[in-house]
Structure formats: C-alpha cells, structure tokens
Amino acid sequence: MKYGPLGRSGLIVSRICLGGNSWGAKGRRGWGKFDESEAP
C-alpha cells in the first residue's frame, strides 16, 4: 500500500484514504445527516 502526506497536517495516510475523501466548498450541502445539537 502507498502512503502520502495529508496537506501540512503532518499526518501520513494511505492513497486509498485520500481518494475516498470528498473535499467540499463553503455553502455546499453535506452528504451525511448532521444534528447540530450533537456537535461539541
């Protein structure tokens, strides 16, 4: 398995992980259901 850096975070993640992420834009709706009352 190949690994690479996650931006400037210092984290090293698999390429599969990087390919599976969805980088959205401000103002776009999320893919999942999120209940703000459960947020920290």
PDB file of N, CA and C in Angstrom:
ATOM      1  N   MET A   1       0.846  -1.165   0.000  1.00  0.00           N
ATOM      2  CA  MET A   1       0.000   0.000   0.000  1.00  0.00           C
ATOM      3  C   MET A   1       0.897   1.235   0.000  1.00  0.00           C
ATOM      4  N   LYS A   2       0.477   2.270  -0.718  1.00  0.00           N
ATOM      5  CA  LYS A   2       1.247   3.512  -0.783  1.00  0.00           C
ATOM      6  C   LYS A   2       0.647   4.545   0.163  1.00  0.00           C
ATOM      7  N   TYR A   3       1.517   5.347   0.757  1.00  0.00           N
ATOM      8  CA  TYR A   3       1.108   6.369   1.713  1.00  0.00           C
ATOM      9  C   TYR A   3       1.640   7.728   1.284  1.00  0.00           C
ATOM     10  N   GLY A   4       0.970   8.774   1.735  1.00  0.00           N
ATOM     11  CA  GLY A   4       1.413  10.126   1.428  1.00  0.00           C
ATOM     12  C   GLY A   4       0.938  11.097   2.489  1.00  0.00           C
ATOM     13  N   PRO A   5       1.482  12.327   2.468  1.00  0.00           N
ATOM     14  CA  PRO A   5       1.125  13.331   3.474  1.00  0.00           C
ATOM     15  C   PRO A   5      -0.266  13.911   3.230  1.00  0.00           C
ATOM     16  N   LEU A   6      -0.940  14.261   4.309  1.00  0.00           N
ATOM     17  CA  LEU A   6      -2.246  14.910   4.228  1.00  0.00           C
ATOM     18  C   LEU A   6      -2.027  16.409   4.430  1.00  0.00           C
ATOM     19  N   GLY A   7      -1.766  17.099   3.335  1.00  0.00           N
ATOM     20  CA  GLY A   7      -1.501  18.536   3.391  1.00  0.00           C
ATOM     21  C   GLY A   7      -0.328  18.860   4.292  1.00  0.00           C
ATOM     22  N   ARG A   8      -0.490  19.892   5.108  1.00  0.00           N
ATOM     23  CA  ARG A   8       0.565  20.306   6.040  1.00  0.00           C
ATOM     24  C   ARG A   8       0.281  19.831   7.456  1.00  0.00           C
ATOM     25  N   SER A   9      -0.648  18.885   7.596  1.00  0.00           N
ATOM     26  CA  SER A   9      -1.056  18.424   8.927  1.00  0.00           C
ATOM     27  C   SER A   9      -0.011  17.550   9.611  1.00  0.00           C
ATOM     28  N   GLY A  10       0.902  16.985   8.838  1.00  0.00           N
ATOM     29  CA  GLY A  10       1.885  16.075   9.403  1.00  0.00           C
ATOM     30  C   GLY A  10       1.389  14.633   9.436  1.00  0.00           C
ATOM     31  N   LEU A  11       0.135  14.411   9.071  1.00  0.00           N
ATOM     32  CA  LEU A  11      -0.419  13.057   9.043  1.00  0.00           C
ATOM     33  C   LEU A  11      -0.028  12.355   7.753  1.00  0.00           C
ATOM     34  N   ILE A  12       0.226  11.061   7.851  1.00  0.00           N
ATOM     35  CA  ILE A  12       0.516  10.230   6.692  1.00  0.00           C
ATOM     36  C   ILE A  12      -0.653   9.261   6.548  1.00  0.00           C
ATOM     37  N   VAL A  13      -1.295   9.276   5.387  1.00  0.00           N
ATOM     38  CA  VAL A  13      -2.469   8.427   5.165  1.00  0.00           C
ATOM     39  C   VAL A  13      -2.295   7.641   3.871  1.00  0.00           C
ATOM     40  N   SER A  14      -3.077   6.577   3.732  1.00  0.00           N
ATOM     41  CA  SER A  14      -2.997   5.763   2.528  1.00  0.00           C
ATOM     42  C   SER A  14      -3.587   6.518   1.343  1.00  0.00           C
ATOM     43  N   ARG A  15      -3.126   6.173   0.146  1.00  0.00           N
ATOM     44  CA  ARG A  15      -3.646   6.802  -1.071  1.00  0.00           C
ATOM     45  C   ARG A  15      -5.126   6.480  -1.232  1.00  0.00           C
ATOM     46  N   ILE A  16      -5.547   5.308  -0.780  1.00  0.00           N
ATOM     47  CA  ILE A  16      -6.961   4.936  -0.853  1.00  0.00           C
ATOM     48  C   ILE A  16      -7.784   5.891  -0.007  1.00  0.00           C
ATOM     49  N   CYS A  17      -7.281   6.224   1.169  1.00  0.00           N
ATOM     50  CA  CYS A  17      -7.969   7.170   2.051  1.00  0.00           C
ATOM     51  C   CYS A  17      -8.096   8.526   1.371  1.00  0.00           C
ATOM     52  N   LEU A  18      -7.017   8.991   0.754  1.00  0.00           N
ATOM     53  CA  LEU A  18      -7.045  10.286   0.071  1.00  0.00           C
ATOM     54  C   LEU A  18      -8.045  10.277  -1.074  1.00  0.00           C
ATOM     55  N   GLY A  19      -8.100   9.184  -1.819  1.00  0.00           N
ATOM     56  CA  GLY A  19      -9.013   9.087  -2.954  1.00  0.00           C
ATOM     57  C   GLY A  19     -10.467   8.973  -2.540  1.00  0.00           C
ATOM     58  N   GLY A  20     -10.727   8.529  -1.315  1.00  0.00           N
ATOM     59  CA  GLY A  20     -12.100   8.349  -0.853  1.00  0.00           C
ATOM     60  C   GLY A  20     -12.708   9.577  -0.214  1.00  0.00           C
ATOM     61  N   ASN A  21     -11.899  10.608  -0.004  1.00  0.00           N
ATOM     62  CA  ASN A  21     -12.410  11.825   0.629  1.00  0.00           C
ATOM     63  C   ASN A  21     -13.144  12.695  -0.372  1.00  0.00           C
ATOM     64  N   SER A  22     -14.059  13.469   0.123  1.00  0.00           N
ATOM     65  CA  SER A  22     -14.787  14.435  -0.697  1.00  0.00           C
ATOM     66  C   SER A  22     -14.511  15.818  -0.129  1.00  0.00           C
ATOM     67  N   TRP A  23     -13.829  16.640  -0.871  1.00  0.00           N
ATOM     68  CA  TRP A  23     -13.482  17.979  -0.411  1.00  0.00           C
ATOM     69  C   TRP A  23     -14.533  18.935  -0.945  1.00  0.00           C
ATOM     70  N   GLY A  24     -15.399  19.413  -0.066  1.00  0.00           N
ATOM     71  CA  GLY A  24     -16.481  20.303  -0.462  1.00  0.00           C
ATOM     72  C   GLY A  24     -16.073  21.760  -0.431  1.00  0.00           C
ATOM     73  N   ALA A  25     -17.013  22.586  -0.742  1.00  0.00           N
ATOM     74  CA  ALA A  25     -16.797  24.027  -0.725  1.00  0.00           C
ATOM     75  C   ALA A  25     -17.762  24.657   0.269  1.00  0.00           C
ATOM     76  N   LYS A  26     -17.409  25.828   0.749  1.00  0.00           N
ATOM     77  CA  LYS A  26     -18.253  26.540   1.700  1.00  0.00           C
ATOM     78  C   LYS A  26     -19.624  26.791   1.060  1.00  0.00           C
ATOM     79  N   GLY A  27     -20.659  26.517   1.822  1.00  0.00           N
ATOM     80  CA  GLY A  27     -22.009  26.741   1.321  1.00  0.00           C
ATOM     81  C   GLY A  27     -22.640  25.535   0.643  1.00  0.00           C
ATOM     82  N   ARG A  28     -21.871  24.474   0.420  1.00  0.00           N
ATOM     83  CA  ARG A  28     -22.436  23.272  -0.200  1.00  0.00           C
ATOM     84  C   ARG A  28     -23.016  22.375   0.867  1.00  0.00           C
ATOM     85  N   ARG A  29     -24.017  21.632   0.512  1.00  0.00           N
ATOM     86  CA  ARG A  29     -24.662  20.717   1.454  1.00  0.00           C
ATOM     87  C   ARG A  29     -23.808  19.474   1.662  1.00  0.00           C
ATOM     88  N   GLY A  30     -23.839  18.964   2.881  1.00  0.00           N
ATOM     89  CA  GLY A  30     -23.096  17.750   3.194  1.00  0.00           C
ATOM     90  C   GLY A  30     -23.781  16.510   2.650  1.00  0.00           C
ATOM     91  N   TRP A  31     -23.040  15.427   2.606  1.00  0.00           N
ATOM     92  CA  TRP A  31     -23.572  14.170   2.112  1.00  0.00           C
ATOM     93  C   TRP A  31     -24.290  13.395   3.193  1.00  0.00           C
ATOM     94  N   GLY A  32     -23.919  13.635   4.425  1.00  0.00           N
ATOM     95  CA  GLY A  32     -24.496  12.874   5.528  1.00  0.00           C
ATOM     96  C   GLY A  32     -25.468  13.708   6.333  1.00  0.00           C
ATOM     97  N   LYS A  33     -26.109  13.058   7.262  1.00  0.00           N
ATOM     98  CA  LYS A  33     -27.038  13.740   8.151  1.00  0.00           C
ATOM     99  C   LYS A  33     -26.268  14.196   9.382  1.00  0.00           C
ATOM    100  N   PHE A  34     -26.411  15.467   9.738  1.00  0.00           N
ATOM    101  CA  PHE A  34     -25.677  16.031  10.858  1.00  0.00           C
ATOM    102  C   PHE A  34     -26.646  16.761  11.769  1.00  0.00           C
ATOM    103  N   ASP A  35     -26.649  16.385  13.023  1.00  0.00           N
ATOM    104  CA  ASP A  35     -27.518  17.020  14.010  1.00  0.00           C
ATOM    105  C   ASP A  35     -26.670  17.986  14.826  1.00  0.00           C
ATOM    106  N   GLU A  36     -26.880  19.288  14.650  1.00  0.00           N
ATOM    107  CA  GLU A  36     -26.057  20.287  15.327  1.00  0.00           C
ATOM    108  C   GLU A  36     -26.162  20.204  16.844  1.00  0.00           C
ATOM    109  N   SER A  37     -27.237  19.633  17.367  1.00  0.00           N
ATOM    110  CA  SER A  37     -27.366  19.512  18.821  1.00  0.00           C
ATOM    111  C   SER A  37     -26.359  18.515  19.389  1.00  0.00           C
ATOM    112  N   GLU A  38     -25.824  17.622  18.547  1.00  0.00           N
ATOM    113  CA  GLU A  38     -24.837  16.638  18.982  1.00  0.00           C
ATOM    114  C   GLU A  38     -23.408  17.141  18.823  1.00  0.00           C
ATOM    115  N   ALA A  39     -23.225  18.299  18.223  1.00  0.00           N
ATOM    116  CA  ALA A  39     -21.885  18.837  17.995  1.00  0.00           C
ATOM    117  C   ALA A  39     -21.272  19.322  19.310  1.00  0.00           C
ATOM    118  N   PRO A  40     -19.933  19.235  19.404  1.00  0.00           N
ATOM    119  CA  PRO A  40     -19.260  19.701  20.630  1.00  0.00           C
ATOM    120  C   PRO A  40     -19.332  21.213  20.778  1.00  0.00           C
TER     121      PRO A  40
END
